[in-house]
Amino acid sequence: MREGRIIPVCLALALGLGTFTAAPLLAAAKKSDGTTQSAKARNTLRQFTGYVSAVDNTTLTVEKRGKQPRTLVFTKHEDMRTVGEIQKDARVTVYYRDEGGHSVAHRVVVKPSDGA
């Protein structure tokens, strides 16, 4: 009768140990996937919508107004495309990437004014 109990107990222990040894391998696989996804996330275009507060040859400053105001300064990419004319106080959407800790604008879309 004791022999009948030993086999299921051994089987349960073997299966239990298998999950403990496989867990670090699965965690390592998930970490490597996470690093590639974070690299992809850095390479995707982000967007920021607000009003132009300053423009010059190399930078564009856009501020978001409201309860939680925020201002971002974008470096213009050499191949930056614009839709519309960028002027002070124009409402714009900036499509940008974080490159080396700096926000680099790749495309700017000027929204039509409310009076138009």
PDB file of N, CA and C in Angstrom:
ATOM      1  N   MET A   1       0.806  -1.182   0.000  1.00  0.00           N
ATOM      2  CA  MET A   1       0.000   0.000   0.000  1.00  0.00           C
ATOM      3  C   MET A   1       0.857   1.256   0.000  1.00  0.00           C
ATOM      4  N   ARG A   2       1.972   1.235   0.702  1.00  0.00           N
ATOM      5  CA  ARG A   2       2.859   2.393   0.721  1.00  0.00           C
ATOM      6  C   ARG A   2       3.455   2.653  -0.644  1.00  0.00           C
ATOM      7  N   GLU A   3       3.732   1.630  -1.385  1.00  0.00           N
ATOM      8  CA  GLU A   3       4.328   1.814  -2.699  1.00  0.00           C
ATOM      9  C   GLU A   3       3.389   2.553  -3.641  1.00  0.00           C
ATOM     10  N   GLY A   4       2.120   2.382  -3.467  1.00  0.00           N
ATOM     11  CA  GLY A   4       1.146   3.079  -4.299  1.00  0.00           C
ATOM     12  C   GLY A   4       1.147   4.580  -4.051  1.00  0.00           C
ATOM     13  N   ARG A   5       1.518   4.993  -2.856  1.00  0.00           N
ATOM     14  CA  ARG A   5       1.545   6.415  -2.520  1.00  0.00           C
ATOM     15  C   ARG A   5       2.852   7.081  -2.941  1.00  0.00           C
ATOM     16  N   ILE A   6       3.905   6.348  -3.013  1.00  0.00           N
ATOM     17  CA  ILE A   6       5.218   6.913  -3.317  1.00  0.00           C
ATOM     18  C   ILE A   6       5.282   7.423  -4.746  1.00  0.00           C
ATOM     19  N   ILE A   7       4.717   6.716  -5.680  1.00  0.00           N
ATOM     20  CA  ILE A   7       4.798   7.112  -7.089  1.00  0.00           C
ATOM     21  C   ILE A   7       4.107   8.458  -7.325  1.00  0.00           C
ATOM     22  N   PRO A   8       2.872   8.682  -6.864  1.00  0.00           N
ATOM     23  CA  PRO A   8       2.267  10.000  -7.089  1.00  0.00           C
ATOM     24  C   PRO A   8       3.018  11.131  -6.383  1.00  0.00           C
ATOM     25  N   VAL A   9       3.586  10.866  -5.212  1.00  0.00           N
ATOM     26  CA  VAL A   9       4.340  11.892  -4.495  1.00  0.00           C
ATOM     27  C   VAL A   9       5.601  12.248  -5.264  1.00  0.00           C
ATOM     28  N   CYS A  10       6.302  11.255  -5.768  1.00  0.00           N
ATOM     29  CA  CYS A  10       7.511  11.511  -6.570  1.00  0.00           C
ATOM     30  C   CYS A  10       7.176  12.268  -7.849  1.00  0.00           C
ATOM     31  N   LEU A  11       6.069  11.878  -8.472  1.00  0.00           N
ATOM     32  CA  LEU A  11       5.649  12.550  -9.692  1.00  0.00           C
ATOM     33  C   LEU A  11       5.319  14.019  -9.406  1.00  0.00           C
ATOM     34  N   ALA A  12       4.626  14.293  -8.309  1.00  0.00           N
ATOM     35  CA  ALA A  12       4.286  15.666  -7.940  1.00  0.00           C
ATOM     36  C   ALA A  12       5.548  16.472  -7.654  1.00  0.00           C
ATOM     37  N   LEU A  13       6.522  15.878  -6.971  1.00  0.00           N
ATOM     38  CA  LEU A  13       7.773  16.574  -6.692  1.00  0.00           C
ATOM     39  C   LEU A  13       8.538  16.880  -7.978  1.00  0.00           C
ATOM     40  N   ALA A  14       8.557  15.941  -8.890  1.00  0.00           N
ATOM     41  CA  ALA A  14       9.272  16.143 -10.145  1.00  0.00           C
ATOM     42  C   ALA A  14       8.627  17.266 -10.954  1.00  0.00           C
ATOM     43  N   LEU A  15       7.316  17.275 -10.998  1.00  0.00           N
ATOM     44  CA  LEU A  15       6.632  18.341 -11.733  1.00  0.00           C
ATOM     45  C   LEU A  15       6.841  19.689 -11.048  1.00  0.00           C
ATOM     46  N   GLY A  16       6.819  19.695  -9.725  1.00  0.00           N
ATOM     47  CA  GLY A  16       7.029  20.935  -8.983  1.00  0.00           C
ATOM     48  C   GLY A  16       8.420  21.490  -9.194  1.00  0.00           C
ATOM     49  N   LEU A  17       9.428  20.661  -9.197  1.00  0.00           N
ATOM     50  CA  LEU A  17      10.798  21.108  -9.434  1.00  0.00           C
ATOM     51  C   LEU A  17      10.970  21.600 -10.859  1.00  0.00           C
ATOM     52  N   GLY A  18      10.252  20.988 -11.773  1.00  0.00           N
ATOM     53  CA  GLY A  18      10.340  21.418 -13.173  1.00  0.00           C
ATOM     54  C   GLY A  18       9.848  22.846 -13.346  1.00  0.00           C
ATOM     55  N   THR A  19       8.798  23.212 -12.620  1.00  0.00           N
ATOM     56  CA  THR A  19       8.300  24.589 -12.756  1.00  0.00           C
ATOM     57  C   THR A  19       9.241  25.573 -12.090  1.00  0.00           C
ATOM     58  N   PHE A  20       9.912  25.168 -11.012  1.00  0.00           N
ATOM     59  CA  PHE A  20      10.845  26.083 -10.356  1.00  0.00           C
ATOM     60  C   PHE A  20      12.084  26.316 -11.202  1.00  0.00           C
ATOM     61  N   THR A  21      12.549  25.301 -11.894  1.00  0.00           N
ATOM     62  CA  THR A  21      13.745  25.491 -12.718  1.00  0.00           C
ATOM     63  C   THR A  21      13.409  26.201 -14.019  1.00  0.00           C
ATOM     64  N   ALA A  22      12.173  26.068 -14.494  1.00  0.00           N
ATOM     65  CA  ALA A  22      11.794  26.718 -15.745  1.00  0.00           C
ATOM     66  C   ALA A  22      11.464  28.195 -15.521  1.00  0.00           C
ATOM     67  N   ALA A  23      11.096  28.574 -14.316  1.00  0.00           N
ATOM     68  CA  ALA A  23      10.697  29.958 -14.056  1.00  0.00           C
ATOM     69  C   ALA A  23      11.811  30.957 -14.378  1.00  0.00           C
ATOM     70  N   PRO A  24      13.059  30.744 -13.955  1.00  0.00           N
ATOM     71  CA  PRO A  24      14.103  31.718 -14.317  1.00  0.00           C
ATOM     72  C   PRO A  24      14.337  31.794 -15.829  1.00  0.00           C
ATOM     73  N   LEU A  25      14.179  30.681 -16.516  1.00  0.00           N
ATOM     74  CA  LEU A  25      14.355  30.697 -17.965  1.00  0.00           C
ATOM     75  C   LEU A  25      13.263  31.522 -18.631  1.00  0.00           C
ATOM     76  N   LEU A  26      12.029  31.368 -18.147  1.00  0.00           N
ATOM     77  CA  LEU A  26      10.934  32.146 -18.711  1.00  0.00           C
ATOM     78  C   LEU A  26      11.105  33.631 -18.396  1.00  0.00           C
ATOM     79  N   ALA A  27      11.571  33.936 -17.199  1.00  0.00           N
ATOM     80  CA  ALA A  27      11.794  35.334 -16.826  1.00  0.00           C
ATOM     81  C   ALA A  27      12.884  35.953 -17.691  1.00  0.00           C
ATOM     82  N   ALA A  28      13.933  35.201 -17.969  1.00  0.00           N
ATOM     83  CA  ALA A  28      15.013  35.706 -18.816  1.00  0.00           C
ATOM     84  C   ALA A  28      14.506  35.944 -20.235  1.00  0.00           C
ATOM     85  N   ALA A  29      13.651  35.057 -20.722  1.00  0.00           N
ATOM     86  CA  ALA A  29      13.098  35.240 -22.071  1.00  0.00           C
ATOM     87  C   ALA A  29      12.223  36.480 -22.117  1.00  0.00           C
ATOM     88  N   LYS A  30      11.435  36.720 -21.070  1.00  0.00           N
ATOM     89  CA  LYS A  30      10.588  37.903 -21.046  1.00  0.00           C
ATOM     90  C   LYS A  30      11.427  39.173 -20.967  1.00  0.00           C
ATOM     91  N   LYS A  31      12.550  39.142 -20.244  1.00  0.00           N
ATOM     92  CA  LYS A  31      13.415  40.316 -20.154  1.00  0.00           C
ATOM     93  C   LYS A  31      13.991  40.671 -21.517  1.00  0.00           C
ATOM     94  N   SER A  32      14.416  39.683 -22.264  1.00  0.00           N
ATOM     95  CA  SER A  32      15.004  39.979 -23.566  1.00  0.00           C
ATOM     96  C   SER A  32      13.945  40.537 -24.505  1.00  0.00           C
ATOM     97  N   ASP A  33      12.698  40.055 -24.413  1.00  0.00           N
ATOM     98  CA  ASP A  33      11.633  40.616 -25.224  1.00  0.00           C
ATOM     99  C   ASP A  33      11.332  42.045 -24.807  1.00  0.00           C
ATOM    100  N   GLY A  34      11.397  42.320 -23.512  1.00  0.00           N
ATOM    101  CA  GLY A  34      11.128  43.659 -23.005  1.00  0.00           C
ATOM    102  C   GLY A  34      12.151  44.667 -23.475  1.00  0.00           C
ATOM    103  N   THR A  35      13.403  44.266 -23.585  1.00  0.00           N
ATOM    104  CA  THR A  35      14.427  45.211 -24.031  1.00  0.00           C
ATOM    105  C   THR A  35      14.239  45.550 -25.500  1.00  0.00           C
ATOM    106  N   THR A  36      13.831  44.580 -26.311  1.00  0.00           N
ATOM    107  CA  THR A  36      13.605  44.897 -27.718  1.00  0.00           C
ATOM    108  C   THR A  36      12.371  45.763 -27.872  1.00  0.00           C
ATOM    109  N   GLN A  37      11.357  45.548 -27.031  1.00  0.00           N
ATOM    110  CA  GLN A  37      10.171  46.385 -27.115  1.00  0.00           C
ATOM    111  C   GLN A  37      10.477  47.800 -26.665  1.00  0.00           C
ATOM    112  N   SER A  38      11.321  47.950 -25.640  1.00  0.00           N
ATOM    113  CA  SER A  38      11.644  49.302 -25.206  1.00  0.00           C
ATOM    114  C   SER A  38      12.474  50.021 -26.273  1.00  0.00           C
ATOM    115  N   ALA A  39      13.300  49.293 -26.990  1.00  0.00           N
ATOM    116  CA  ALA A  39      14.045  49.910 -28.088  1.00  0.00           C
ATOM    117  C   ALA A  39      13.085  50.324 -29.195  1.00  0.00           C
ATOM    118  N   LYS A  40      12.082  49.493 -29.462  1.00  0.00           N
ATOM    119  CA  LYS A  40      11.084  49.855 -30.466  1.00  0.00           C
ATOM    120  C   LYS A  40      10.286  51.056 -30.009  1.00  0.00           C
ATOM    121  N   ALA A  41       9.961  51.114 -28.718  1.00  0.00           N
ATOM    122  CA  ALA A  41       9.191  52.237 -28.194  1.00  0.00           C
ATOM    123  C   ALA A  41       9.971  53.536 -28.329  1.00  0.00           C
ATOM    124  N   ARG A  42      11.283  53.477 -28.165  1.00  0.00           N
ATOM    125  CA  ARG A  42      12.087  54.686 -28.328  1.00  0.00           C
ATOM    126  C   ARG A  42      12.126  55.134 -29.783  1.00  0.00           C
ATOM    127  N   ASN A  43      12.007  54.215 -30.714  1.00  0.00           N
ATOM    128  CA  ASN A  43      12.117  54.555 -32.126  1.00  0.00           C
ATOM    129  C   ASN A  43      10.800  54.991 -32.741  1.00  0.00           C
ATOM    130  N   THR A  44       9.680  54.770 -32.051  1.00  0.00           N
ATOM    131  CA  THR A  44       8.401  55.161 -32.615  1.00  0.00           C
ATOM    132  C   THR A  44       8.195  56.657 -32.464  1.00  0.00           C
ATOM    133  N   LEU A  45       7.407  57.212 -33.352  1.00  0.00           N
ATOM    134  CA  LEU A  45       7.099  58.639 -33.279  1.00  0.00           C
ATOM    135  C   LEU A  45       6.076  58.888 -32.181  1.00  0.00           C
ATOM    136  N   ARG A  46       6.329  59.875 -31.380  1.00  0.00           N
ATOM    137  CA  ARG A  46       5.381  60.323 -30.369  1.00  0.00           C
ATOM    138  C   ARG A  46       4.789  61.629 -30.860  1.00  0.00           C
ATOM    139  N   GLN A  47       3.709  62.062 -30.213  1.00  0.00           N
ATOM    140  CA  GLN A  47       3.123  63.334 -30.631  1.00  0.00           C
ATOM    141  C   GLN A  47       2.839  64.219 -29.428  1.00  0.00           C
ATOM    142  N   PHE A  48       2.909  65.512 -29.675  1.00  0.00           N
ATOM    143  CA  PHE A  48       2.659  66.518 -28.651  1.00  0.00           C
ATOM    144  C   PHE A  48       1.895  67.648 -29.317  1.00  0.00           C
ATOM    145  N   THR A  49       0.733  68.002 -28.766  1.00  0.00           N
ATOM    146  CA  THR A  49      -0.097  69.053 -29.335  1.00  0.00           C
ATOM    147  C   THR A  49      -0.132  70.240 -28.386  1.00  0.00           C
ATOM    148  N   GLY A  50       0.057  71.414 -28.932  1.00  0.00           N
ATOM    149  CA  GLY A  50       0.021  72.624 -28.119  1.00  0.00           C
ATOM    150  C   GLY A  50       0.164  73.852 -28.997  1.00  0.00           C
ATOM    151  N   TYR A  51       0.585  74.940 -28.379  1.00  0.00           N
ATOM    152  CA  TYR A  51       0.722  76.217 -29.071  1.00  0.00           C
ATOM    153  C   TYR A  51       2.189  76.601 -29.161  1.00  0.00           C
ATOM    154  N   VAL A  52       2.597  77.117 -30.305  1.00  0.00           N
ATOM    155  CA  VAL A  52       3.989  77.524 -30.522  1.00  0.00           C
ATOM    156  C   VAL A  52       4.266  78.765 -29.689  1.00  0.00           C
ATOM    157  N   SER A  53       5.304  78.674 -28.856  1.00  0.00           N
ATOM    158  CA  SER A  53       5.678  79.849 -28.066  1.00  0.00           C
ATOM    159  C   SER A  53       6.968  80.482 -28.595  1.00  0.00           C
ATOM    160  N   ALA A  54       7.789  79.718 -29.334  1.00  0.00           N
ATOM    161  CA  ALA A  54       9.010  80.275 -29.922  1.00  0.00           C
ATOM    162  C   ALA A  54       9.453  79.397 -31.085  1.00  0.00           C
ATOM    163  N   VAL A  55       9.989  80.053 -32.107  1.00  0.00           N
ATOM    164  CA  VAL A  55      10.499  79.351 -33.287  1.00  0.00           C
ATOM    165  C   VAL A  55      11.801  80.013 -33.704  1.00  0.00           C
ATOM    166  N   ASP A  56      12.813  79.200 -34.028  1.00  0.00           N
ATOM    167  CA  ASP A  56      14.019  79.730 -34.664  1.00  0.00           C
ATOM    168  C   ASP A  56      14.506  78.692 -35.669  1.00  0.00           C
ATOM    169  N   ASN A  57      15.723  78.852 -36.174  1.00  0.00           N
ATOM    170  CA  ASN A  57      16.215  77.981 -37.242  1.00  0.00           C
ATOM    171  C   ASN A  57      16.416  76.532 -36.805  1.00  0.00           C
ATOM    172  N   THR A  58      16.739  76.303 -35.543  1.00  0.00           N
ATOM    173  CA  THR A  58      17.072  74.944 -35.110  1.00  0.00           C
ATOM    174  C   THR A  58      16.110  74.346 -34.096  1.00  0.00           C
ATOM    175  N   THR A  59      15.301  75.184 -33.432  1.00  0.00           N
ATOM    176  CA  THR A  59      14.408  74.657 -32.390  1.00  0.00           C
ATOM    177  C   THR A  59      12.991  75.171 -32.556  1.00  0.00           C
ATOM    178  N   LEU A  60      12.089  74.451 -31.904  1.00  0.00           N
ATOM    179  CA  LEU A  60      10.673  74.786 -31.883  1.00  0.00           C
ATOM    180  C   LEU A  60      10.192  74.548 -30.456  1.00  0.00           C
ATOM    181  N   THR A  61       9.610  75.573 -29.835  1.00  0.00           N
ATOM    182  CA  THR A  61       9.111  75.451 -28.471  1.00  0.00           C
ATOM    183  C   THR A  61       7.591  75.454 -28.510  1.00  0.00           C
ATOM    184  N   VAL A  62       6.997  74.404 -27.908  1.00  0.00           N
ATOM    185  CA  VAL A  62       5.542  74.237 -27.915  1.00  0.00           C
ATOM    186  C   VAL A  62       5.085  74.090 -26.468  1.00  0.00           C
ATOM    187  N   GLU A  63       4.020  74.819 -26.128  1.00  0.00           N
ATOM    188  CA  GLU A  63       3.488  74.742 -24.771  1.00  0.00           C
ATOM    189  C   GLU A  63       2.055  74.218 -24.804  1.00  0.00           C
ATOM    190  N   LYS A  64       1.761  73.369 -23.832  1.00  0.00           N
ATOM    191  CA  LYS A  64       0.406  72.865 -23.649  1.00  0.00           C
ATOM    192  C   LYS A  64      -0.205  73.707 -22.545  1.00  0.00           C
ATOM    193  N   ARG A  65      -1.373  74.251 -22.802  1.00  0.00           N
ATOM    194  CA  ARG A  65      -2.031  75.118 -21.831  1.00  0.00           C
ATOM    195  C   ARG A  65      -3.092  74.328 -21.072  1.00  0.00           C
ATOM    196  N   GLY A  66      -3.580  74.901 -19.986  1.00  0.00           N
ATOM    197  CA  GLY A  66      -4.651  74.267 -19.226  1.00  0.00           C
ATOM    198  C   GLY A  66      -4.276  74.073 -17.773  1.00  0.00           C
ATOM    199  N   LYS A  67      -4.928  73.095 -17.145  1.00  0.00           N
ATOM    200  CA  LYS A  67      -4.703  72.840 -15.719  1.00  0.00           C
ATOM    201  C   LYS A  67      -3.301  72.334 -15.431  1.00  0.00           C
ATOM    202  N   GLN A  68      -2.755  71.549 -16.334  1.00  0.00           N
ATOM    203  CA  GLN A  68      -1.401  71.021 -16.172  1.00  0.00           C
ATOM    204  C   GLN A  68      -0.538  71.470 -17.349  1.00  0.00           C
ATOM    205  N   PRO A  69      -0.112  72.732 -17.347  1.00  0.00           N
ATOM    206  CA  PRO A  69       0.681  73.227 -18.483  1.00  0.00           C
ATOM    207  C   PRO A  69       2.032  72.521 -18.561  1.00  0.00           C
ATOM    208  N   ARG A  70       2.501  72.398 -19.786  1.00  0.00           N
ATOM    209  CA  ARG A  70       3.772  71.714 -20.037  1.00  0.00           C
ATOM    210  C   ARG A  70       4.411  72.347 -21.271  1.00  0.00           C
ATOM    211  N   THR A  71       5.714  72.520 -21.241  1.00  0.00           N
ATOM    212  CA  THR A  71       6.428  73.092 -22.379  1.00  0.00           C
ATOM    213  C   THR A  71       7.529  72.137 -22.807  1.00  0.00           C
ATOM    214  N   LEU A  72       7.613  71.888 -24.108  1.00  0.00           N
ATOM    215  CA  LEU A  72       8.676  71.057 -24.662  1.00  0.00           C
ATOM    216  C   LEU A  72       9.420  71.844 -25.733  1.00  0.00           C
ATOM    217  N   VAL A  73      10.727  71.671 -25.742  1.00  0.00           N
ATOM    218  CA  VAL A  73      11.576  72.277 -26.770  1.00  0.00           C
ATOM    219  C   VAL A  73      12.033  71.156 -27.692  1.00  0.00           C
ATOM    220  N   PHE A  74      11.755  71.308 -28.974  1.00  0.00           N
ATOM    221  CA  PHE A  74      12.101  70.300 -29.975  1.00  0.00           C
ATOM    222  C   PHE A  74      13.240  70.802 -30.842  1.00  0.00           C
ATOM    223  N   THR A  75      14.177  69.930 -31.124  1.00  0.00           N
ATOM    224  CA  THR A  75      15.216  70.209 -32.103  1.00  0.00           C
ATOM    225  C   THR A  75      14.659  69.801 -33.463  1.00  0.00           C
ATOM    226  N   LYS A  76      14.825  70.650 -34.452  1.00  0.00           N
ATOM    227  CA  LYS A  76      14.299  70.333 -35.786  1.00  0.00           C
ATOM    228  C   LYS A  76      15.209  69.315 -36.465  1.00  0.00           C
ATOM    229  N   HIS A  77      14.611  68.241 -36.967  1.00  0.00           N
ATOM    230  CA  HIS A  77      15.352  67.250 -37.747  1.00  0.00           C
ATOM    231  C   HIS A  77      15.665  67.857 -39.107  1.00  0.00           C
ATOM    232  N   GLU A  78      16.772  67.462 -39.695  1.00  0.00           N
ATOM    233  CA  GLU A  78      17.180  68.048 -40.983  1.00  0.00           C
ATOM    234  C   GLU A  78      16.169  67.773 -42.088  1.00  0.00           C
ATOM    235  N   ASP A  79      15.415  66.670 -41.997  1.00  0.00           N
ATOM    236  CA  ASP A  79      14.397  66.340 -43.002  1.00  0.00           C
ATOM    237  C   ASP A  79      12.987  66.578 -42.475  1.00  0.00           C
ATOM    238  N   MET A  80      12.820  67.499 -41.533  1.00  0.00           N
ATOM    239  CA  MET A  80      11.513  67.744 -40.926  1.00  0.00           C
ATOM    240  C   MET A  80      10.524  68.253 -41.957  1.00  0.00           C
ATOM    241  N   ARG A  81       9.333  67.661 -41.937  1.00  0.00           N
ATOM    242  CA  ARG A  81       8.263  68.078 -42.843  1.00  0.00           C
ATOM    243  C   ARG A  81       7.261  68.917 -42.063  1.00  0.00           C
ATOM    244  N   THR A  82       6.724  69.935 -42.707  1.00  0.00           N
ATOM    245  CA  THR A  82       5.682  70.743 -42.069  1.00  0.00           C
ATOM    246  C   THR A  82       4.466  70.801 -42.963  1.00  0.00           C
ATOM    247  N   VAL A  83       3.311  70.794 -42.323  1.00  0.00           N
ATOM    248  CA  VAL A  83       2.049  70.970 -43.029  1.00  0.00           C
ATOM    249  C   VAL A  83       1.466  72.270 -42.502  1.00  0.00           C
ATOM    250  N   GLY A  84       1.521  73.320 -43.304  1.00  0.00           N
ATOM    251  CA  GLY A  84       1.087  74.643 -42.876  1.00  0.00           C
ATOM    252  C   GLY A  84       2.286  75.488 -42.484  1.00  0.00           C
ATOM    253  N   GLU A  85       1.999  76.752 -42.128  1.00  0.00           N
ATOM    254  CA  GLU A  85       3.061  77.682 -41.762  1.00  0.00           C
ATOM    255  C   GLU A  85       3.159  77.776 -40.240  1.00  0.00           C
ATOM    256  N   ILE A  86       4.364  77.587 -39.731  1.00  0.00           N
ATOM    257  CA  ILE A  86       4.586  77.624 -38.286  1.00  0.00           C
ATOM    258  C   ILE A  86       4.804  79.071 -37.873  1.00  0.00           C
ATOM    259  N   GLN A  87       3.897  79.579 -37.042  1.00  0.00           N
ATOM    260  CA  GLN A  87       4.005  80.938 -36.507  1.00  0.00           C
ATOM    261  C   GLN A  87       3.790  80.888 -35.004  1.00  0.00           C
ATOM    262  N   LYS A  88       4.178  81.947 -34.339  1.00  0.00           N
ATOM    263  CA  LYS A  88       3.963  82.037 -32.897  1.00  0.00           C
ATOM    264  C   LYS A  88       2.464  81.997 -32.607  1.00  0.00           C
ATOM    265  N   ASP A  89       2.075  81.294 -31.559  1.00  0.00           N
ATOM    266  CA  ASP A  89       0.697  81.093 -31.101  1.00  0.00           C
ATOM    267  C   ASP A  89      -0.144  80.231 -32.036  1.00  0.00           C
ATOM    268  N   ALA A  90       0.473  79.584 -33.007  1.00  0.00           N
ATOM    269  CA  ALA A  90      -0.260  78.645 -33.859  1.00  0.00           C
ATOM    270  C   ALA A  90      -0.426  77.324 -33.104  1.00  0.00           C
ATOM    271  N   ARG A  91      -1.567  76.677 -33.279  1.00  0.00           N
ATOM    272  CA  ARG A  91      -1.799  75.380 -32.646  1.00  0.00           C
ATOM    273  C   ARG A  91      -1.201  74.318 -33.557  1.00  0.00           C
ATOM    274  N   VAL A  92      -0.319  73.485 -33.000  1.00  0.00           N
ATOM    275  CA  VAL A  92       0.409  72.497 -33.799  1.00  0.00           C
ATOM    276  C   VAL A  92       0.403  71.138 -33.110  1.00  0.00           C
ATOM    277  N   THR A  93       0.601  70.110 -33.912  1.00  0.00           N
ATOM    278  CA  THR A  93       0.894  68.773 -33.412  1.00  0.00           C
ATOM    279  C   THR A  93       2.278  68.418 -33.922  1.00  0.00           C
ATOM    280  N   VAL A  94       3.174  68.100 -32.989  1.00  0.00           N
ATOM    281  CA  VAL A  94       4.560  67.779 -33.332  1.00  0.00           C
ATOM    282  C   VAL A  94       4.748  66.274 -33.182  1.00  0.00           C
ATOM    283  N   TYR A  95       5.222  65.635 -34.222  1.00  0.00           N
ATOM    284  CA  TYR A  95       5.561  64.213 -34.188  1.00  0.00           C
ATOM    285  C   TYR A  95       7.077  64.131 -34.019  1.00  0.00           C
ATOM    286  N   TYR A  96       7.511  63.501 -32.929  1.00  0.00           N
ATOM    287  CA  TYR A  96       8.920  63.548 -32.567  1.00  0.00           C
ATOM    288  C   TYR A  96       9.413  62.207 -32.044  1.00  0.00           C
ATOM    289  N   ARG A  97      10.729  62.096 -31.959  1.00  0.00           N
ATOM    290  CA  ARG A  97      11.407  60.943 -31.358  1.00  0.00           C
ATOM    291  C   ARG A  97      12.373  61.450 -30.301  1.00  0.00           C
ATOM    292  N   ASP A  98      12.592  60.626 -29.289  1.00  0.00           N
ATOM    293  CA  ASP A  98      13.638  60.922 -28.317  1.00  0.00           C
ATOM    294  C   ASP A  98      14.932  60.332 -28.846  1.00  0.00           C
ATOM    295  N   GLU A  99      15.877  61.181 -29.161  1.00  0.00           N
ATOM    296  CA  GLU A  99      17.168  60.749 -29.695  1.00  0.00           C
ATOM    297  C   GLU A  99      18.272  61.327 -28.825  1.00  0.00           C
ATOM    298  N   GLY A 100      18.931  60.467 -28.085  1.00  0.00           N
ATOM    299  CA  GLY A 100      20.032  60.907 -27.239  1.00  0.00           C
ATOM    300  C   GLY A 100      19.593  61.861 -26.139  1.00  0.00           C
ATOM    301  N   GLY A 101      18.402  61.677 -25.620  1.00  0.00           N
ATOM    302  CA  GLY A 101      17.915  62.532 -24.551  1.00  0.00           C
ATOM    303  C   GLY A 101      17.303  63.835 -25.023  1.00  0.00           C
ATOM    304  N   HIS A 102      17.220  64.039 -26.326  1.00  0.00           N
ATOM    305  CA  HIS A 102      16.635  65.260 -26.885  1.00  0.00           C
ATOM    306  C   HIS A 102      15.408  64.886 -27.710  1.00  0.00           C
ATOM    307  N   SER A 103      14.392  65.737 -27.672  1.00  0.00           N
ATOM    308  CA  SER A 103      13.193  65.540 -28.489  1.00  0.00           C
ATOM    309  C   SER A 103      13.455  66.135 -29.859  1.00  0.00           C
ATOM    310  N   VAL A 104      13.430  65.290 -30.889  1.00  0.00           N
ATOM    311  CA  VAL A 104      13.733  65.727 -32.251  1.00  0.00           C
ATOM    312  C   VAL A 104      12.450  65.664 -33.079  1.00  0.00           C
ATOM    313  N   ALA A 105      12.009  66.816 -33.577  1.00  0.00           N
ATOM    314  CA  ALA A 105      10.780  66.918 -34.363  1.00  0.00           C
ATOM    315  C   ALA A 105      11.017  66.410 -35.778  1.00  0.00           C
ATOM    316  N   HIS A 106      10.173  65.473 -36.218  1.00  0.00           N
ATOM    317  CA  HIS A 106      10.273  64.943 -37.577  1.00  0.00           C
ATOM    318  C   HIS A 106       9.169  65.476 -38.477  1.00  0.00           C
ATOM    319  N   ARG A 107       8.022  65.822 -37.873  1.00  0.00           N
ATOM    320  CA  ARG A 107       6.906  66.343 -38.662  1.00  0.00           C
ATOM    321  C   ARG A 107       6.090  67.274 -37.781  1.00  0.00           C
ATOM    322  N   VAL A 108       5.637  68.377 -38.346  1.00  0.00           N
ATOM    323  CA  VAL A 108       4.809  69.334 -37.622  1.00  0.00           C
ATOM    324  C   VAL A 108       3.584  69.626 -38.469  1.00  0.00           C
ATOM    325  N   VAL A 109       2.411  69.480 -37.850  1.00  0.00           N
ATOM    326  CA  VAL A 109       1.154  69.769 -38.532  1.00  0.00           C
ATOM    327  C   VAL A 109       0.519  70.959 -37.838  1.00  0.00           C
ATOM    328  N   VAL A 110       0.285  72.029 -38.594  1.00  0.00           N
ATOM    329  CA  VAL A 110      -0.341  73.230 -38.070  1.00  0.00           C
ATOM    330  C   VAL A 110      -1.849  73.067 -38.195  1.00  0.00           C
ATOM    331  N   LYS A 111      -2.540  73.224 -37.069  1.00  0.00           N
ATOM    332  CA  LYS A 111      -3.999  73.109 -37.046  1.00  0.00           C
ATOM    333  C   LYS A 111      -4.606  74.446 -37.494  1.00  0.00           C
ATOM    334  N   PRO A 112      -5.725  74.389 -38.217  1.00  0.00           N
ATOM    335  CA  PRO A 112      -6.351  75.652 -38.610  1.00  0.00           C
ATOM    336  C   PRO A 112      -6.881  76.390 -37.377  1.00  0.00           C
ATOM    337  N   SER A 113      -6.847  77.722 -37.440  1.00  0.00           N
ATOM    338  CA  SER A 113      -7.306  78.516 -36.302  1.00  0.00           C
ATOM    339  C   SER A 113      -8.818  78.400 -36.181  1.00  0.00           C
ATOM    340  N   ASP A 114      -9.349  78.680 -34.976  1.00  0.00           N
ATOM    341  CA  ASP A 114     -10.768  78.539 -34.722  1.00  0.00           C
ATOM    342  C   ASP A 114     -11.600  79.527 -35.545  1.00  0.00           C
ATOM    343  N   GLY A 115     -11.030  80.684 -35.854  1.00  0.00           N
ATOM    344  CA  GLY A 115     -11.750  81.704 -36.620  1.00  0.00           C
ATOM    345  C   GLY A 115     -11.840  81.397 -38.106  1.00  0.00           C
ATOM    346  N   ALA A 116     -11.072  80.432 -38.615  1.00  0.00           N
ATOM    347  CA  ALA A 116     -11.029  80.167 -40.058  1.00  0.00           C
ATOM    348  C   ALA A 116     -12.145  79.258 -40.491  1.00  0.00           C
TER     349      ALA A 116
END
